[in-house]
């Protein structure tokens, strides 16, 4: 599972230098971080809709789109999947309630 995300992240990173006319990923990245974030938000909303509807297959498809667009958004801001995984690893074993309470307010 993680190997798939790692491979996808590496592909997205490689597309940063690709011609935007030759790659959907490169075209998204060329539009800037704000557009990448907008597209991520659109896909997240579509996933929410499918979750509410209860269509498992459509939800799985939309969730794949969400993960892809999350990685594109991260790449647009030069945040690596490894950085995100390190945060998750650091949180592992900590109660979600305790972790949330320890976050800085503001």
N, C-alpha and C. Protein backbone atom coordinates (compact mmCIF):
# COMPACT_ATOMS: atom_id res chain seq x y z
N UNK A 1 0.83 -1.19 0.00
CA UNK A 1 0.00 0.00 0.00
C UNK A 1 0.87 1.26 0.00
N UNK A 2 1.80 1.31 0.94
CA UNK A 2 2.68 2.47 1.00
C UNK A 2 3.54 2.55 -0.25
N UNK A 3 3.91 1.39 -0.81
CA UNK A 3 4.73 1.38 -2.03
C UNK A 3 4.00 2.07 -3.18
N UNK A 4 2.70 1.90 -3.25
CA UNK A 4 1.92 2.54 -4.31
C UNK A 4 1.96 4.05 -4.15
N UNK A 5 1.77 4.54 -2.94
CA UNK A 5 1.83 5.99 -2.70
C UNK A 5 3.22 6.54 -2.94
N UNK A 6 4.23 5.78 -2.54
CA UNK A 6 5.61 6.21 -2.77
C UNK A 6 5.90 6.30 -4.25
N UNK A 7 5.47 5.31 -5.01
CA UNK A 7 5.67 5.31 -6.46
C UNK A 7 4.92 6.47 -7.11
N UNK A 8 3.68 6.69 -6.69
CA UNK A 8 2.90 7.80 -7.23
C UNK A 8 3.55 9.14 -6.90
N UNK A 9 4.03 9.29 -5.68
CA UNK A 9 4.70 10.52 -5.27
C UNK A 9 5.94 10.77 -6.12
N UNK A 10 6.71 9.73 -6.38
CA UNK A 10 7.91 9.87 -7.20
C UNK A 10 7.55 10.25 -8.64
N UNK A 11 6.48 9.70 -9.16
CA UNK A 11 6.04 10.04 -10.51
C UNK A 11 5.63 11.51 -10.57
N UNK A 12 4.89 11.96 -9.57
CA UNK A 12 4.46 13.36 -9.51
C UNK A 12 5.68 14.27 -9.43
N UNK A 13 6.64 13.91 -8.61
CA UNK A 13 7.86 14.71 -8.48
C UNK A 13 8.58 14.81 -9.82
N UNK A 14 8.64 13.71 -10.54
CA UNK A 14 9.30 13.69 -11.85
C UNK A 14 8.56 14.56 -12.86
N UNK A 15 7.27 14.69 -12.71
CA UNK A 15 6.48 15.48 -13.65
C UNK A 15 6.66 16.98 -13.45
N UNK A 16 7.27 17.39 -12.35
CA UNK A 16 7.51 18.81 -12.11
C UNK A 16 8.30 19.44 -13.25
N UNK A 17 9.19 18.67 -13.85
CA UNK A 17 10.03 19.21 -14.92
C UNK A 17 9.52 18.83 -16.31
N UNK A 18 8.36 18.20 -16.38
CA UNK A 18 7.82 17.79 -17.67
C UNK A 18 7.09 18.95 -18.35
N UNK A 19 6.92 18.81 -19.64
CA UNK A 19 6.17 19.79 -20.43
C UNK A 19 4.69 19.72 -20.03
N UNK A 20 4.10 20.83 -19.62
CA UNK A 20 2.69 20.82 -19.22
C UNK A 20 1.74 20.33 -20.32
N UNK A 21 2.17 20.42 -21.58
CA UNK A 21 1.32 19.93 -22.66
C UNK A 21 1.38 18.41 -22.80
N UNK A 22 2.33 17.78 -22.11
CA UNK A 22 2.50 16.33 -22.25
C UNK A 22 2.01 15.55 -21.04
N UNK A 23 1.61 16.24 -19.96
CA UNK A 23 1.27 15.56 -18.72
C UNK A 23 0.21 16.34 -17.95
N UNK A 24 -0.83 15.62 -17.53
CA UNK A 24 -1.87 16.24 -16.70
C UNK A 24 -1.26 16.76 -15.40
N UNK A 25 -0.39 15.96 -14.79
CA UNK A 25 0.25 16.37 -13.55
C UNK A 25 1.08 17.62 -13.75
N UNK A 26 1.89 17.63 -14.81
CA UNK A 26 2.72 18.81 -15.10
C UNK A 26 1.85 20.03 -15.35
N UNK A 27 0.72 19.83 -16.02
CA UNK A 27 -0.16 20.98 -16.29
C UNK A 27 -0.76 21.53 -15.00
N UNK A 28 -1.13 20.65 -14.07
CA UNK A 28 -1.63 21.11 -12.77
C UNK A 28 -0.56 21.87 -12.01
N UNK A 29 0.64 21.29 -11.94
CA UNK A 29 1.73 21.94 -11.22
C UNK A 29 2.09 23.28 -11.83
N UNK A 30 2.01 23.39 -13.15
CA UNK A 30 2.34 24.65 -13.83
C UNK A 30 1.34 25.75 -13.48
N UNK A 31 0.14 25.38 -13.06
CA UNK A 31 -0.88 26.37 -12.70
C UNK A 31 -0.68 26.92 -11.29
N UNK A 32 0.25 26.31 -10.54
CA UNK A 32 0.59 26.83 -9.23
C UNK A 32 -0.10 26.13 -8.08
N UNK A 33 0.42 26.35 -6.87
CA UNK A 33 -0.09 25.69 -5.68
C UNK A 33 -1.57 25.98 -5.39
N UNK A 34 -2.00 27.18 -5.68
CA UNK A 34 -3.39 27.53 -5.39
C UNK A 34 -4.35 26.69 -6.23
N UNK A 35 -4.05 26.51 -7.52
CA UNK A 35 -4.90 25.69 -8.39
C UNK A 35 -4.85 24.23 -7.96
N UNK A 36 -3.67 23.76 -7.56
CA UNK A 36 -3.55 22.39 -7.07
C UNK A 36 -4.41 22.20 -5.82
N UNK A 37 -4.41 23.17 -4.93
CA UNK A 37 -5.23 23.10 -3.72
C UNK A 37 -6.71 23.13 -4.06
N UNK A 38 -7.08 23.95 -5.02
CA UNK A 38 -8.48 24.03 -5.46
C UNK A 38 -8.94 22.68 -6.00
N UNK A 39 -8.11 22.06 -6.82
CA UNK A 39 -8.47 20.77 -7.41
C UNK A 39 -8.57 19.70 -6.34
N UNK A 40 -7.66 19.73 -5.36
CA UNK A 40 -7.75 18.80 -4.23
C UNK A 40 -9.09 18.96 -3.51
N UNK A 41 -9.47 20.20 -3.26
CA UNK A 41 -10.75 20.47 -2.59
C UNK A 41 -11.94 19.94 -3.37
N UNK A 42 -11.92 20.12 -4.68
CA UNK A 42 -13.01 19.61 -5.53
C UNK A 42 -13.12 18.09 -5.40
N UNK A 43 -11.97 17.44 -5.44
CA UNK A 43 -11.97 15.97 -5.36
C UNK A 43 -12.42 15.50 -3.98
N UNK A 44 -12.03 16.22 -2.94
CA UNK A 44 -12.45 15.86 -1.58
C UNK A 44 -13.98 15.96 -1.45
N UNK A 45 -14.55 17.00 -2.03
CA UNK A 45 -16.01 17.15 -1.99
C UNK A 45 -16.69 16.01 -2.73
N UNK A 46 -16.14 15.62 -3.88
CA UNK A 46 -16.72 14.50 -4.62
C UNK A 46 -16.64 13.21 -3.80
N UNK A 47 -15.56 13.01 -3.07
CA UNK A 47 -15.45 11.83 -2.21
C UNK A 47 -16.48 11.87 -1.09
N UNK A 48 -16.68 13.04 -0.52
CA UNK A 48 -17.68 13.19 0.54
C UNK A 48 -19.07 12.83 0.01
N UNK A 49 -19.38 13.31 -1.16
CA UNK A 49 -20.69 13.01 -1.76
C UNK A 49 -20.87 11.52 -1.92
N UNK A 50 -19.86 10.82 -2.41
CA UNK A 50 -19.98 9.37 -2.60
C UNK A 50 -20.04 8.64 -1.27
N UNK A 51 -19.37 9.16 -0.25
CA UNK A 51 -19.46 8.55 1.08
C UNK A 51 -20.88 8.65 1.62
N UNK A 52 -21.50 9.79 1.41
CA UNK A 52 -22.88 9.99 1.86
C UNK A 52 -23.84 9.10 1.08
N UNK A 53 -23.61 8.99 -0.21
CA UNK A 53 -24.47 8.15 -1.06
C UNK A 53 -24.32 6.66 -0.73
N UNK A 54 -23.15 6.28 -0.28
CA UNK A 54 -22.92 4.88 0.08
C UNK A 54 -22.48 3.99 -1.07
N UNK A 55 -22.06 4.58 -2.18
CA UNK A 55 -21.59 3.79 -3.32
C UNK A 55 -20.11 3.48 -3.10
N UNK A 56 -19.82 2.25 -2.69
CA UNK A 56 -18.45 1.86 -2.33
C UNK A 56 -17.49 1.98 -3.50
N UNK A 57 -17.89 1.54 -4.67
CA UNK A 57 -16.99 1.60 -5.83
C UNK A 57 -16.68 3.04 -6.20
N UNK A 58 -17.70 3.89 -6.23
CA UNK A 58 -17.47 5.30 -6.57
C UNK A 58 -16.63 5.99 -5.48
N UNK A 59 -16.87 5.63 -4.22
CA UNK A 59 -16.08 6.20 -3.14
C UNK A 59 -14.62 5.80 -3.28
N UNK A 60 -14.35 4.54 -3.60
CA UNK A 60 -12.97 4.10 -3.79
C UNK A 60 -12.31 4.87 -4.92
N UNK A 61 -13.04 5.09 -6.00
CA UNK A 61 -12.51 5.84 -7.14
C UNK A 61 -12.23 7.29 -6.77
N UNK A 62 -13.16 7.92 -6.08
CA UNK A 62 -12.97 9.31 -5.67
C UNK A 62 -11.87 9.43 -4.63
N UNK A 63 -11.75 8.44 -3.74
CA UNK A 63 -10.68 8.46 -2.75
C UNK A 63 -9.31 8.37 -3.43
N UNK A 64 -9.22 7.59 -4.50
CA UNK A 64 -7.97 7.52 -5.28
C UNK A 64 -7.65 8.89 -5.86
N UNK A 65 -8.68 9.58 -6.37
CA UNK A 65 -8.47 10.93 -6.90
C UNK A 65 -8.01 11.88 -5.80
N UNK A 66 -8.58 11.75 -4.61
CA UNK A 66 -8.19 12.60 -3.48
C UNK A 66 -6.72 12.38 -3.13
N UNK A 67 -6.31 11.13 -3.06
CA UNK A 67 -4.91 10.85 -2.72
C UNK A 67 -3.97 11.41 -3.78
N UNK A 68 -4.31 11.21 -5.05
CA UNK A 68 -3.49 11.74 -6.13
C UNK A 68 -3.38 13.26 -6.02
N UNK A 69 -4.51 13.93 -5.88
CA UNK A 69 -4.50 15.40 -5.84
C UNK A 69 -3.87 15.93 -4.56
N UNK A 70 -3.95 15.18 -3.47
CA UNK A 70 -3.23 15.57 -2.26
C UNK A 70 -1.73 15.55 -2.52
N UNK A 71 -1.25 14.50 -3.17
CA UNK A 71 0.18 14.42 -3.47
C UNK A 71 0.62 15.52 -4.43
N UNK A 72 -0.23 15.86 -5.39
CA UNK A 72 0.09 16.97 -6.31
C UNK A 72 0.15 18.28 -5.53
N UNK A 73 -0.80 18.51 -4.65
CA UNK A 73 -0.81 19.73 -3.85
C UNK A 73 0.44 19.82 -2.97
N UNK A 74 0.80 18.71 -2.36
CA UNK A 74 2.02 18.69 -1.54
C UNK A 74 3.24 19.00 -2.40
N UNK A 75 3.32 18.38 -3.57
CA UNK A 75 4.47 18.61 -4.47
C UNK A 75 4.54 20.07 -4.89
N UNK A 76 3.39 20.69 -5.08
CA UNK A 76 3.36 22.10 -5.49
C UNK A 76 3.98 23.00 -4.43
N UNK A 77 3.95 22.56 -3.19
CA UNK A 77 4.54 23.32 -2.08
C UNK A 77 5.82 22.68 -1.56
N UNK A 78 6.36 21.74 -2.33
CA UNK A 78 7.61 21.07 -1.97
C UNK A 78 7.57 20.40 -0.60
N UNK A 79 6.43 19.80 -0.29
CA UNK A 79 6.28 18.99 0.92
C UNK A 79 6.28 17.53 0.45
N UNK A 80 7.22 16.76 0.96
CA UNK A 80 7.35 15.38 0.49
C UNK A 80 6.41 14.43 1.24
N UNK A 81 6.13 13.32 0.60
CA UNK A 81 5.35 12.27 1.25
C UNK A 81 6.09 11.78 2.49
N UNK A 82 7.42 11.72 2.43
CA UNK A 82 8.21 11.31 3.59
C UNK A 82 7.97 12.23 4.79
N UNK A 83 7.84 13.53 4.54
CA UNK A 83 7.57 14.47 5.63
C UNK A 83 6.21 14.20 6.27
N UNK A 84 5.22 13.93 5.43
CA UNK A 84 3.87 13.64 5.94
C UNK A 84 3.89 12.33 6.72
N UNK A 85 4.57 11.32 6.18
CA UNK A 85 4.65 10.03 6.86
C UNK A 85 5.37 10.16 8.20
N UNK A 86 6.38 11.03 8.27
CA UNK A 86 7.09 11.25 9.53
C UNK A 86 6.16 11.83 10.59
N UNK A 87 5.28 12.73 10.18
CA UNK A 87 4.30 13.29 11.12
C UNK A 87 3.37 12.19 11.61
N UNK A 88 2.89 11.36 10.67
CA UNK A 88 2.01 10.26 11.07
C UNK A 88 2.73 9.28 11.99
N UNK A 89 3.99 8.96 11.66
CA UNK A 89 4.76 8.06 12.52
C UNK A 89 4.92 8.64 13.92
N UNK A 90 5.17 9.95 14.00
CA UNK A 90 5.34 10.59 15.31
C UNK A 90 4.05 10.55 16.12
N UNK A 91 2.94 10.56 15.45
CA UNK A 91 1.63 10.54 16.13
C UNK A 91 1.20 9.14 16.52
N UNK A 92 1.80 8.12 15.89
CA UNK A 92 1.38 6.75 16.13
C UNK A 92 1.49 6.40 17.61
N UNK A 93 0.45 5.79 18.13
CA UNK A 93 0.45 5.40 19.53
C UNK A 93 -0.02 6.48 20.48
N UNK A 94 -0.30 7.66 19.91
CA UNK A 94 -0.82 8.76 20.72
C UNK A 94 -2.32 8.84 20.50
N UNK A 95 -3.04 8.98 21.55
CA UNK A 95 -4.49 9.15 21.43
C UNK A 95 -4.79 10.35 20.54
N UNK A 96 -5.74 10.20 19.66
CA UNK A 96 -6.15 11.31 18.80
C UNK A 96 -6.61 12.51 19.60
N UNK A 97 -7.28 12.25 20.70
CA UNK A 97 -7.75 13.35 21.56
C UNK A 97 -6.56 14.06 22.20
N UNK A 98 -5.58 13.29 22.67
CA UNK A 98 -4.40 13.89 23.29
C UNK A 98 -3.58 14.66 22.26
N UNK A 99 -3.45 14.10 21.06
CA UNK A 99 -2.67 14.76 20.01
C UNK A 99 -3.33 16.08 19.62
N UNK A 100 -4.64 16.07 19.47
CA UNK A 100 -5.36 17.29 19.12
C UNK A 100 -5.25 18.34 20.22
N UNK A 101 -5.34 17.94 21.47
CA UNK A 101 -5.25 18.86 22.60
C UNK A 101 -3.85 19.48 22.70
N UNK A 102 -2.83 18.76 22.23
CA UNK A 102 -1.45 19.27 22.31
C UNK A 102 -1.09 20.23 21.19
N UNK A 103 -1.93 20.32 20.17
CA UNK A 103 -1.63 21.22 19.05
C UNK A 103 -1.68 22.67 19.51
N UNK A 104 -0.79 23.48 18.94
CA UNK A 104 -0.82 24.92 19.27
C UNK A 104 -2.17 25.52 18.87
N UNK A 105 -2.67 26.39 19.70
CA UNK A 105 -3.93 27.08 19.41
C UNK A 105 -3.67 28.28 18.55
N UNK A 106 -4.62 28.56 17.65
CA UNK A 106 -4.44 29.79 16.88
C UNK A 106 -4.70 29.68 15.48
